[in-house]
Amino acid sequence: MTVGDAIELYLADMRAYARLTTDRSATEYRRTLSRHAEDAEGDDPLATTREDVKRTLRRWTHPNTERRMRSMLVSFYDWLVEEGLRPDNPARQTRAPRGREAHVYRLTLEESRRFIAAARGRRERRIAYLGVCAGLRRNELRLLRGRHFARDGWVWVSRESAKGGRERWVPVITDVEPVVQEIRETTAPDHHVLPATLWVEGGRGLQPKECLERACHAKSIWRTVRRIGRRAGIGASVHPHMLRHAFADHVTRAAGLRTAQAVLGHASIQTTEGYLAQPSLDELAEAMAGVRFTR
């Protein structure tokens, strides 16, 4: 058996046991393990060593990335051990790097309001409102179809778009009602809310045309969010997940942990608790409003 054969068997098993639920995850695992196959001396997964694992991990310099890649290698070799193909796991013989706290720019409530107010046109409004007021992830946004708004007062995040296949229902709050109503009136059940844009020949050369049956590219959402953020005058470069953080920060404090966990689709409440680890920027400003050093 070659390393490549072992990788494909491993990925098939992970799919079968619902350990890998999206094409994106499977692609990332395959890419990491293929790099490891390149780094290994020889093409026998039963003969790879701790040094081969360390050689692969040295490809990445950020400790958080290295930790994630190591976990993939650990999982792969655990599978080989469970299958009785080798007696040990060389990835577990390496030390996991200490994680580094991720830097997160947190939007204030006022910045969130400015962001959605700065959105122009139907497409920008859909991205801004569903990001800030429904907390949808970027991939959830791009895979939305008309059928996800069929139940009045709710946004359905279905299994094929939700992280880890964990479907959920997000109540439509007052702020986003006009946008949701517009989607329900104009988008067919199988058409994408954020369709791809194709360039076709027209009377004056190439012209943009929406392809309603295809989802837009993830990068187009990222570029749109950044453009709206600049227009809103927000100092940081705004990205889609920042909108989800703003939603989570506000909902956790307004509705409580359990409600926030449900609408955010977090597998663990510890993830939701992370949003309460420190006061929001608005709470800090309110608490410090009365602080004076002079009379």
C-alpha atoms as a PDB file:
ATOM      1  CA  MET A   1       0.000   0.000   0.000  1.00  0.00           C
ATOM      2  CA  THR A   2       1.293   3.455  -0.928  1.00  0.00           C
ATOM      3  CA  VAL A   3       0.767   6.615   1.110  1.00  0.00           C
ATOM      4  CA  GLY A   4      -1.621   7.832  -1.581  1.00  0.00           C
ATOM      5  CA  ASP A   5      -3.712   4.645  -1.327  1.00  0.00           C
ATOM      6  CA  ALA A   6      -3.830   4.948   2.459  1.00  0.00           C
ATOM      7  CA  ILE A   7      -4.965   8.586   2.224  1.00  0.00           C
ATOM      8  CA  GLU A   8      -7.886   7.734  -0.058  1.00  0.00           C
ATOM      9  CA  LEU A   9      -8.980   4.806   2.137  1.00  0.00           C
ATOM     10  CA  TYR A  10      -8.759   7.021   5.218  1.00  0.00           C
ATOM     11  CA  LEU A  11     -10.833   9.810   3.633  1.00  0.00           C
ATOM     12  CA  ALA A  12     -13.455   7.296   2.462  1.00  0.00           C
ATOM     13  CA  ASP A  13     -13.771   5.936   6.001  1.00  0.00           C
ATOM     14  CA  MET A  14     -14.027   9.424   7.485  1.00  0.00           C
ATOM     15  CA  ARG A  15     -16.818  10.212   5.042  1.00  0.00           C
ATOM     16  CA  ALA A  16     -18.606   6.955   5.824  1.00  0.00           C
ATOM     17  CA  TYR A  17     -18.557   7.650   9.560  1.00  0.00           C
ATOM     18  CA  ALA A  18     -19.543  11.332   9.100  1.00  0.00           C
ATOM     19  CA  ARG A  19     -16.230  12.574  10.465  1.00  0.00           C
ATOM     20  CA  LEU A  20     -15.756  14.604   7.284  1.00  0.00           C
ATOM     21  CA  THR A  21     -19.039  16.163   6.232  1.00  0.00           C
ATOM     22  CA  THR A  22     -18.083  18.742   3.575  1.00  0.00           C
ATOM     23  CA  ASP A  23     -16.074  18.723   0.359  1.00  0.00           C
ATOM     24  CA  ARG A  24     -14.051  21.628   1.693  1.00  0.00           C
ATOM     25  CA  SER A  25     -12.907  19.670   4.757  1.00  0.00           C
ATOM     26  CA  ALA A  26     -12.049  16.619   2.665  1.00  0.00           C
ATOM     27  CA  THR A  27     -10.019  18.792   0.286  1.00  0.00           C
ATOM     28  CA  GLU A  28      -8.060  20.331   3.150  1.00  0.00           C
ATOM     29  CA  TYR A  29      -7.306  16.919   4.657  1.00  0.00           C
ATOM     30  CA  ARG A  30      -6.247  15.520   1.289  1.00  0.00           C
ATOM     31  CA  ARG A  31      -3.971  18.519   0.622  1.00  0.00           C
ATOM     32  CA  THR A  32      -2.267  18.250   4.022  1.00  0.00           C
ATOM     33  CA  LEU A  33      -1.805  14.488   3.825  1.00  0.00           C
ATOM     34  CA  SER A  34      -0.507  14.710   0.244  1.00  0.00           C
ATOM     35  CA  ARG A  35       2.129  17.175   1.394  1.00  0.00           C
ATOM     36  CA  HIS A  36       3.065  14.723   4.102  1.00  0.00           C
ATOM     37  CA  ALA A  37       3.389  12.012   1.459  1.00  0.00           C
ATOM     38  CA  GLU A  38       5.842  14.260  -0.413  1.00  0.00           C
ATOM     39  CA  ASP A  39       7.881  14.801   2.756  1.00  0.00           C
ATOM     40  CA  ALA A  40       8.030  11.136   3.774  1.00  0.00           C
ATOM     41  CA  GLU A  41      11.135   9.182   2.879  1.00  0.00           C
ATOM     42  CA  GLY A  42       9.727   6.394   0.755  1.00  0.00           C
ATOM     43  CA  ASP A  43       6.135   5.674  -0.175  1.00  0.00           C
ATOM     44  CA  ASP A  44       5.138   3.292   2.578  1.00  0.00           C
ATOM     45  CA  PRO A  45       2.732   4.693   5.234  1.00  0.00           C
ATOM     46  CA  LEU A  46       3.759   1.859   7.539  1.00  0.00           C
ATOM     47  CA  ALA A  47       7.370   3.008   7.572  1.00  0.00           C
ATOM     48  CA  THR A  48       6.950   6.762   8.148  1.00  0.00           C
ATOM     49  CA  THR A  49       8.556   8.178  11.267  1.00  0.00           C
ATOM     50  CA  ARG A  50       8.361  11.035  13.723  1.00  0.00           C
ATOM     51  CA  GLU A  51      10.955  12.888  11.648  1.00  0.00           C
ATOM     52  CA  ASP A  52       8.720  12.667   8.566  1.00  0.00           C
ATOM     53  CA  VAL A  53       5.882  14.231  10.560  1.00  0.00           C
ATOM     54  CA  LYS A  54       8.125  17.005  11.884  1.00  0.00           C
ATOM     55  CA  ARG A  55       9.356  17.695   8.341  1.00  0.00           C
ATOM     56  CA  THR A  56       5.771  18.259   7.218  1.00  0.00           C
ATOM     57  CA  LEU A  57       4.869  20.447  10.194  1.00  0.00           C
ATOM     58  CA  ARG A  58       7.837  22.721   9.467  1.00  0.00           C
ATOM     59  CA  ARG A  59       6.005  23.827   6.328  1.00  0.00           C
ATOM     60  CA  TRP A  60       3.909  26.163   8.490  1.00  0.00           C
ATOM     61  CA  THR A  61       5.214  28.896  10.771  1.00  0.00           C
ATOM     62  CA  HIS A  62       2.050  30.014  12.557  1.00  0.00           C
ATOM     63  CA  PRO A  63       1.486  27.836  15.656  1.00  0.00           C
ATOM     64  CA  ASN A  64      -2.314  27.737  15.212  1.00  0.00           C
ATOM     65  CA  THR A  65      -1.962  26.461  11.649  1.00  0.00           C
ATOM     66  CA  GLU A  66       0.647  23.940  12.745  1.00  0.00           C
ATOM     67  CA  ARG A  67      -1.667  22.674  15.508  1.00  0.00           C
ATOM     68  CA  ARG A  68      -4.491  22.193  13.016  1.00  0.00           C
ATOM     69  CA  MET A  69      -2.287  20.352  10.526  1.00  0.00           C
ATOM     70  CA  ARG A  70      -0.838  18.163  13.284  1.00  0.00           C
ATOM     71  CA  SER A  71      -4.358  17.169  14.339  1.00  0.00           C
ATOM     72  CA  MET A  72      -5.007  15.945  10.777  1.00  0.00           C
ATOM     73  CA  LEU A  73      -1.852  13.833  10.825  1.00  0.00           C
ATOM     74  CA  VAL A  74      -2.747  12.464  14.260  1.00  0.00           C
ATOM     75  CA  SER A  75      -6.175  11.455  12.964  1.00  0.00           C
ATOM     76  CA  PHE A  76      -4.672   9.776   9.885  1.00  0.00           C
ATOM     77  CA  TYR A  77      -2.196   7.708  11.892  1.00  0.00           C
ATOM     78  CA  ASP A  78      -4.783   6.878  14.552  1.00  0.00           C
ATOM     79  CA  TRP A  79      -6.831   5.361  11.738  1.00  0.00           C
ATOM     80  CA  LEU A  80      -3.856   3.302  10.573  1.00  0.00           C
ATOM     81  CA  VAL A  81      -3.399   2.016  14.123  1.00  0.00           C
ATOM     82  CA  GLU A  82      -7.117   1.239  14.512  1.00  0.00           C
ATOM     83  CA  GLU A  83      -7.043  -0.671  11.225  1.00  0.00           C
ATOM     84  CA  GLY A  84      -4.148  -2.753  12.527  1.00  0.00           C
ATOM     85  CA  LEU A  85      -1.821  -1.510   9.807  1.00  0.00           C
ATOM     86  CA  ARG A  86       0.857  -0.141  12.124  1.00  0.00           C
ATOM     87  CA  PRO A  87       1.576  -0.345  15.871  1.00  0.00           C
ATOM     88  CA  ASP A  88       2.247   3.309  16.641  1.00  0.00           C
ATOM     89  CA  ASN A  89       1.284   6.876  15.753  1.00  0.00           C
ATOM     90  CA  PRO A  90       4.365   8.981  14.860  1.00  0.00           C
ATOM     91  CA  ALA A  91       2.307  12.193  14.862  1.00  0.00           C
ATOM     92  CA  ARG A  92       1.516  11.710  18.553  1.00  0.00           C
ATOM     93  CA  GLN A  93       5.255  11.493  19.185  1.00  0.00           C
ATOM     94  CA  THR A  94       5.568  15.179  18.256  1.00  0.00           C
ATOM     95  CA  ARG A  95       4.763  17.999  20.636  1.00  0.00           C
ATOM     96  CA  ALA A  96       1.731  20.139  19.803  1.00  0.00           C
ATOM     97  CA  PRO A  97       2.696  23.823  19.550  1.00  0.00           C
ATOM     98  CA  ARG A  98       1.143  26.214  22.008  1.00  0.00           C
ATOM     99  CA  GLY A  99      -1.822  27.968  20.390  1.00  0.00           C
ATOM    100  CA  ARG A 100      -1.750  31.710  19.895  1.00  0.00           C
ATOM    101  CA  GLU A 101      -4.833  33.730  20.718  1.00  0.00           C
ATOM    102  CA  ALA A 102      -6.401  34.938  17.497  1.00  0.00           C
ATOM    103  CA  HIS A 103      -6.703  38.673  17.008  1.00  0.00           C
ATOM    104  CA  VAL A 104     -10.348  39.620  16.539  1.00  0.00           C
ATOM    105  CA  TYR A 105     -11.421  43.163  15.709  1.00  0.00           C
ATOM    106  CA  ARG A 106     -14.777  43.596  17.408  1.00  0.00           C
ATOM    107  CA  LEU A 107     -17.394  45.858  15.866  1.00  0.00           C
ATOM    108  CA  THR A 108     -19.317  48.155  18.194  1.00  0.00           C
ATOM    109  CA  LEU A 109     -23.083  48.325  17.922  1.00  0.00           C
ATOM    110  CA  GLU A 110     -22.742  51.716  16.237  1.00  0.00           C
ATOM    111  CA  GLU A 111     -20.257  50.330  13.684  1.00  0.00           C
ATOM    112  CA  SER A 112     -22.632  47.450  12.942  1.00  0.00           C
ATOM    113  CA  ARG A 113     -25.429  49.934  12.311  1.00  0.00           C
ATOM    114  CA  ARG A 114     -23.188  52.018  10.057  1.00  0.00           C
ATOM    115  CA  PHE A 115     -22.175  48.908   8.152  1.00  0.00           C
ATOM    116  CA  ILE A 116     -25.718  47.824   7.255  1.00  0.00           C
ATOM    117  CA  ALA A 117     -26.674  51.444   6.501  1.00  0.00           C
ATOM    118  CA  ALA A 118     -23.755  51.687   4.028  1.00  0.00           C
ATOM    119  CA  ALA A 119     -24.940  48.724   1.935  1.00  0.00           C
ATOM    120  CA  ARG A 120     -26.151  49.747  -1.524  1.00  0.00           C
ATOM    121  CA  GLY A 121     -28.226  47.731  -3.927  1.00  0.00           C
ATOM    122  CA  ARG A 122     -29.986  44.410  -3.491  1.00  0.00           C
ATOM    123  CA  ARG A 123     -26.892  42.204  -3.352  1.00  0.00           C
ATOM    124  CA  GLU A 124     -25.013  44.305  -0.804  1.00  0.00           C
ATOM    125  CA  ARG A 125     -28.095  44.641   1.395  1.00  0.00           C
ATOM    126  CA  ARG A 126     -28.624  40.878   1.419  1.00  0.00           C
ATOM    127  CA  ILE A 127     -25.018  40.223   2.443  1.00  0.00           C
ATOM    128  CA  ALA A 128     -24.893  42.982   5.059  1.00  0.00           C
ATOM    129  CA  TYR A 129     -28.209  42.264   6.771  1.00  0.00           C
ATOM    130  CA  LEU A 130     -27.955  38.468   6.737  1.00  0.00           C
ATOM    131  CA  GLY A 131     -24.380  38.702   8.039  1.00  0.00           C
ATOM    132  CA  VAL A 132     -24.975  41.216  10.830  1.00  0.00           C
ATOM    133  CA  CYS A 133     -28.599  40.455  11.760  1.00  0.00           C
ATOM    134  CA  ALA A 134     -28.664  36.668  11.224  1.00  0.00           C
ATOM    135  CA  GLY A 135     -25.030  35.742  11.916  1.00  0.00           C
ATOM    136  CA  LEU A 136     -24.633  33.523   8.859  1.00  0.00           C
ATOM    137  CA  ARG A 137     -21.199  32.204   7.934  1.00  0.00           C
ATOM    138  CA  ARG A 138     -19.762  33.051   4.522  1.00  0.00           C
ATOM    139  CA  ASN A 139     -20.424  29.589   3.098  1.00  0.00           C
ATOM    140  CA  GLU A 140     -23.943  29.638   4.512  1.00  0.00           C
ATOM    141  CA  LEU A 141     -24.553  32.963   2.789  1.00  0.00           C
ATOM    142  CA  ARG A 142     -23.362  31.807  -0.606  1.00  0.00           C
ATOM    143  CA  LEU A 143     -25.421  28.592  -0.548  1.00  0.00           C
ATOM    144  CA  LEU A 144     -28.714  30.235   0.450  1.00  0.00           C
ATOM    145  CA  ARG A 145     -31.635  29.542  -1.886  1.00  0.00           C
ATOM    146  CA  GLY A 146     -35.190  30.816  -1.932  1.00  0.00           C
ATOM    147  CA  ARG A 147     -36.408  27.663  -0.157  1.00  0.00           C
ATOM    148  CA  HIS A 148     -34.389  28.603   2.920  1.00  0.00           C
ATOM    149  CA  PHE A 149     -36.862  31.463   3.500  1.00  0.00           C
ATOM    150  CA  ALA A 150     -40.063  29.489   2.868  1.00  0.00           C
ATOM    151  CA  ARG A 151     -41.116  29.439   6.539  1.00  0.00           C
ATOM    152  CA  ASP A 152     -42.395  32.867   7.503  1.00  0.00           C
ATOM    153  CA  GLY A 153     -40.258  34.503  10.190  1.00  0.00           C
ATOM    154  CA  TRP A 154     -37.322  32.086   9.868  1.00  0.00           C
ATOM    155  CA  VAL A 155     -34.085  31.519   7.970  1.00  0.00           C
ATOM    156  CA  TRP A 156     -33.315  27.824   7.517  1.00  0.00           C
ATOM    157  CA  VAL A 157     -29.631  26.903   7.464  1.00  0.00           C
ATOM    158  CA  SER A 158     -29.724  23.433   5.888  1.00  0.00           C
ATOM    159  CA  ARG A 159     -27.272  20.565   6.371  1.00  0.00           C
ATOM    160  CA  GLU A 160     -25.445  21.017   3.082  1.00  0.00           C
ATOM    161  CA  SER A 161     -24.365  24.555   3.982  1.00  0.00           C
ATOM    162  CA  ALA A 162     -24.107  24.451   7.786  1.00  0.00           C
ATOM    163  CA  LYS A 163     -20.742  23.773   9.393  1.00  0.00           C
ATOM    164  CA  GLY A 164     -20.500  20.142  10.422  1.00  0.00           C
ATOM    165  CA  GLY A 165     -23.883  19.462   8.823  1.00  0.00           C
ATOM    166  CA  ARG A 166     -25.654  20.942  11.878  1.00  0.00           C
ATOM    167  CA  GLU A 167     -28.797  22.497  10.440  1.00  0.00           C
ATOM    168  CA  ARG A 168     -30.516  25.231  12.423  1.00  0.00           C
ATOM    169  CA  TRP A 169     -33.282  27.792  12.292  1.00  0.00           C
ATOM    170  CA  VAL A 170     -32.549  31.495  12.825  1.00  0.00           C
ATOM    171  CA  PRO A 171     -35.475  33.757  13.777  1.00  0.00           C
ATOM    172  CA  VAL A 172     -35.901  36.811  11.555  1.00  0.00           C
ATOM    173  CA  ILE A 173     -35.464  39.848  13.789  1.00  0.00           C
ATOM    174  CA  THR A 174     -37.180  43.144  12.991  1.00  0.00           C
ATOM    175  CA  ASP A 175     -34.111  44.757  11.401  1.00  0.00           C
ATOM    176  CA  VAL A 176     -33.793  42.125   8.673  1.00  0.00           C
ATOM    177  CA  GLU A 177     -37.522  41.672   7.918  1.00  0.00           C
ATOM    178  CA  PRO A 178     -37.574  43.968   4.811  1.00  0.00           C
ATOM    179  CA  VAL A 179     -34.628  42.120   3.237  1.00  0.00           C
ATOM    180  CA  VAL A 180     -36.137  38.691   3.958  1.00  0.00           C
ATOM    181  CA  GLN A 181     -39.494  39.800   2.541  1.00  0.00           C
ATOM    182  CA  GLU A 182     -37.786  41.035  -0.629  1.00  0.00           C
ATOM    183  CA  ILE A 183     -36.016  37.662  -0.993  1.00  0.00           C
ATOM    184  CA  ARG A 184     -39.277  35.743  -0.541  1.00  0.00           C
ATOM    185  CA  GLU A 185     -40.990  37.854  -3.198  1.00  0.00           C
ATOM    186  CA  THR A 186     -38.226  37.727  -5.825  1.00  0.00           C
ATOM    187  CA  THR A 187     -36.303  34.458  -5.394  1.00  0.00           C
ATOM    188  CA  ALA A 188     -37.592  31.089  -6.616  1.00  0.00           C
ATOM    189  CA  PRO A 189     -37.142  28.113  -4.252  1.00  0.00           C
ATOM    190  CA  ASP A 190     -34.201  26.629  -6.194  1.00  0.00           C
ATOM    191  CA  HIS A 191     -32.563  29.928  -7.125  1.00  0.00           C
ATOM    192  CA  HIS A 192     -29.606  31.260  -5.181  1.00  0.00           C
ATOM    193  CA  VAL A 193     -30.019  34.361  -3.055  1.00  0.00           C
ATOM    194  CA  LEU A 194     -26.475  35.404  -4.026  1.00  0.00           C
ATOM    195  CA  PRO A 195     -26.118  33.994  -7.550  1.00  0.00           C
ATOM    196  CA  ALA A 196     -22.941  33.806  -9.579  1.00  0.00           C
ATOM    197  CA  THR A 197     -22.264  36.533 -12.124  1.00  0.00           C
ATOM    198  CA  LEU A 198     -21.262  35.466 -15.615  1.00  0.00           C
ATOM    199  CA  TRP A 199     -19.943  37.688 -18.400  1.00  0.00           C
ATOM    200  CA  VAL A 200     -21.700  37.088 -21.720  1.00  0.00           C
ATOM    201  CA  GLU A 201     -21.543  38.688 -25.144  1.00  0.00           C
ATOM    202  CA  GLY A 202     -23.960  41.589 -25.534  1.00  0.00           C
ATOM    203  CA  GLY A 203     -24.616  44.444 -27.895  1.00  0.00           C
ATOM    204  CA  ARG A 204     -21.758  46.452 -26.390  1.00  0.00           C
ATOM    205  CA  GLY A 205     -19.291  43.683 -25.649  1.00  0.00           C
ATOM    206  CA  LEU A 206     -19.221  41.567 -22.526  1.00  0.00           C
ATOM    207  CA  GLN A 207     -22.129  42.181 -20.147  1.00  0.00           C
ATOM    208  CA  PRO A 208     -22.694  40.826 -16.600  1.00  0.00           C
ATOM    209  CA  LYS A 209     -25.526  38.338 -16.174  1.00  0.00           C
ATOM    210  CA  GLU A 210     -26.708  36.578 -13.044  1.00  0.00           C
ATOM    211  CA  CYS A 211     -26.736  32.785 -13.167  1.00  0.00           C
ATOM    212  CA  LEU A 212     -29.467  32.023 -10.646  1.00  0.00           C
ATOM    213  CA  GLU A 213     -28.758  28.279 -10.614  1.00  0.00           C
ATOM    214  CA  ARG A 214     -25.154  28.749  -9.452  1.00  0.00           C
ATOM    215  CA  ALA A 215     -23.844  30.110  -6.153  1.00  0.00           C
ATOM    216  CA  CYS A 216     -21.468  33.056  -6.154  1.00  0.00           C
ATOM    217  CA  HIS A 217     -17.801  32.569  -5.324  1.00  0.00           C
ATOM    218  CA  ALA A 218     -16.814  32.940  -1.667  1.00  0.00           C
ATOM    219  CA  LYS A 219     -14.282  35.626  -2.593  1.00  0.00           C
ATOM    220  CA  SER A 220     -17.006  37.833  -4.062  1.00  0.00           C
ATOM    221  CA  ILE A 221     -18.719  37.943  -0.646  1.00  0.00           C
ATOM    222  CA  TRP A 222     -15.408  38.774   1.018  1.00  0.00           C
ATOM    223  CA  ARG A 223     -14.750  41.615  -1.451  1.00  0.00           C
ATOM    224  CA  THR A 224     -18.287  42.968  -1.034  1.00  0.00           C
ATOM    225  CA  VAL A 225     -18.024  43.023   2.764  1.00  0.00           C
ATOM    226  CA  ARG A 226     -14.678  44.799   2.613  1.00  0.00           C
ATOM    227  CA  ARG A 227     -16.107  47.393   0.207  1.00  0.00           C
ATOM    228  CA  ILE A 228     -19.107  48.102   2.457  1.00  0.00           C
ATOM    229  CA  GLY A 229     -16.817  48.388   5.485  1.00  0.00           C
ATOM    230  CA  ARG A 230     -14.709  51.025   3.768  1.00  0.00           C
ATOM    231  CA  ARG A 231     -17.800  52.960   2.747  1.00  0.00           C
ATOM    232  CA  ALA A 232     -19.041  52.822   6.346  1.00  0.00           C
ATOM    233  CA  GLY A 233     -15.786  54.383   7.540  1.00  0.00           C
ATOM    234  CA  ILE A 234     -14.756  51.435   9.736  1.00  0.00           C
ATOM    235  CA  GLY A 235     -11.030  51.608  10.525  1.00  0.00           C
ATOM    236  CA  ALA A 236     -10.312  47.890  10.205  1.00  0.00           C
ATOM    237  CA  SER A 237     -10.605  45.774   7.067  1.00  0.00           C
ATOM    238  CA  VAL A 238     -14.005  44.136   7.611  1.00  0.00           C
ATOM    239  CA  HIS A 239     -14.403  40.478   6.620  1.00  0.00           C
ATOM    240  CA  PRO A 240     -17.520  38.225   6.651  1.00  0.00           C
ATOM    241  CA  HIS A 241     -16.775  36.418   9.925  1.00  0.00           C
ATOM    242  CA  MET A 242     -16.468  39.786  11.667  1.00  0.00           C
ATOM    243  CA  LEU A 243     -20.185  40.289  10.975  1.00  0.00           C
ATOM    244  CA  ARG A 244     -20.946  36.948  12.626  1.00  0.00           C
ATOM    245  CA  HIS A 245     -18.900  37.988  15.657  1.00  0.00           C
ATOM    246  CA  ALA A 246     -20.892  41.216  15.887  1.00  0.00           C
ATOM    247  CA  PHE A 247     -24.160  39.248  15.771  1.00  0.00           C
ATOM    248  CA  ALA A 248     -22.901  36.768  18.356  1.00  0.00           C
ATOM    249  CA  ASP A 249     -21.630  39.500  20.675  1.00  0.00           C
ATOM    250  CA  HIS A 250     -24.987  41.281  20.663  1.00  0.00           C
ATOM    251  CA  VAL A 251     -27.270  38.209  20.814  1.00  0.00           C
ATOM    252  CA  THR A 252     -25.296  36.501  23.595  1.00  0.00           C
ATOM    253  CA  ARG A 253     -25.753  39.497  25.856  1.00  0.00           C
ATOM    254  CA  ALA A 254     -29.345  40.206  24.836  1.00  0.00           C
ATOM    255  CA  ALA A 255     -30.778  36.671  24.755  1.00  0.00           C
ATOM    256  CA  GLY A 256     -28.411  34.508  26.795  1.00  0.00           C
ATOM    257  CA  LEU A 257     -25.935  31.734  26.105  1.00  0.00           C
ATOM    258  CA  ARG A 258     -28.280  28.883  25.197  1.00  0.00           C
ATOM    259  CA  THR A 259     -30.252  30.965  22.711  1.00  0.00           C
ATOM    260  CA  ALA A 260     -27.061  32.325  21.182  1.00  0.00           C
ATOM    261  CA  GLN A 261     -25.599  28.814  20.856  1.00  0.00           C
ATOM    262  CA  ALA A 262     -28.716  27.629  19.030  1.00  0.00           C
ATOM    263  CA  VAL A 263     -28.936  30.480  16.512  1.00  0.00           C
ATOM    264  CA  LEU A 264     -25.171  30.471  15.907  1.00  0.00           C
ATOM    265  CA  GLY A 265     -25.015  26.724  15.376  1.00  0.00           C
ATOM    266  CA  HIS A 266     -22.123  26.145  17.792  1.00  0.00           C
ATOM    267  CA  ALA A 267     -21.471  22.485  18.621  1.00  0.00           C
ATOM    268  CA  SER A 268     -20.143  23.421  22.058  1.00  0.00           C
ATOM    269  CA  ILE A 269     -21.401  26.074  24.436  1.00  0.00           C
ATOM    270  CA  GLN A 270     -17.764  26.807  25.294  1.00  0.00           C
ATOM    271  CA  THR A 271     -17.438  28.370  21.855  1.00  0.00           C
ATOM    272  CA  THR A 272     -20.373  30.665  22.586  1.00  0.00           C
ATOM    273  CA  GLU A 273     -18.980  31.471  26.024  1.00  0.00           C
ATOM    274  CA  GLY A 274     -15.916  32.838  24.282  1.00  0.00           C
ATOM    275  CA  TYR A 275     -17.972  35.848  23.276  1.00  0.00           C
ATOM    276  CA  LEU A 276     -18.555  36.650  26.952  1.00  0.00           C
ATOM    277  CA  ALA A 277     -14.914  36.320  27.977  1.00  0.00           C
ATOM    278  CA  GLN A 278     -14.633  40.084  28.091  1.00  0.00           C
ATOM    279  CA  PRO A 279     -17.030  43.054  28.045  1.00  0.00           C
ATOM    280  CA  SER A 280     -18.217  44.299  24.674  1.00  0.00           C
ATOM    281  CA  LEU A 281     -16.739  47.575  23.455  1.00  0.00           C
ATOM    282  CA  ASP A 282     -20.083  49.279  24.104  1.00  0.00           C
ATOM    283  CA  GLU A 283     -20.123  47.977  27.687  1.00  0.00           C
ATOM    284  CA  LEU A 284     -16.571  49.202  28.229  1.00  0.00           C
ATOM    285  CA  ALA A 285     -17.470  52.663  26.935  1.00  0.00           C
ATOM    286  CA  GLU A 286     -20.555  52.845  29.172  1.00  0.00           C
ATOM    287  CA  ALA A 287     -18.647  51.635  32.244  1.00  0.00           C
ATOM    288  CA  MET A 288     -15.834  54.149  31.707  1.00  0.00           C
ATOM    289  CA  ALA A 289     -18.091  57.109  30.919  1.00  0.00           C
ATOM    290  CA  GLY A 290     -18.002  58.357  34.507  1.00  0.00           C
ATOM    291  CA  VAL A 291     -14.272  57.910  35.086  1.00  0.00           C
ATOM    292  CA  ARG A 292     -12.448  61.215  35.665  1.00  0.00           C
ATOM    293  CA  PHE A 293      -8.880  62.146  36.670  1.00  0.00           C
ATOM    294  CA  THR A 294      -9.650  65.834  37.027  1.00  0.00           C
ATOM    295  CA  ARG A 295     -12.381  67.669  38.922  1.00  0.00           C
END
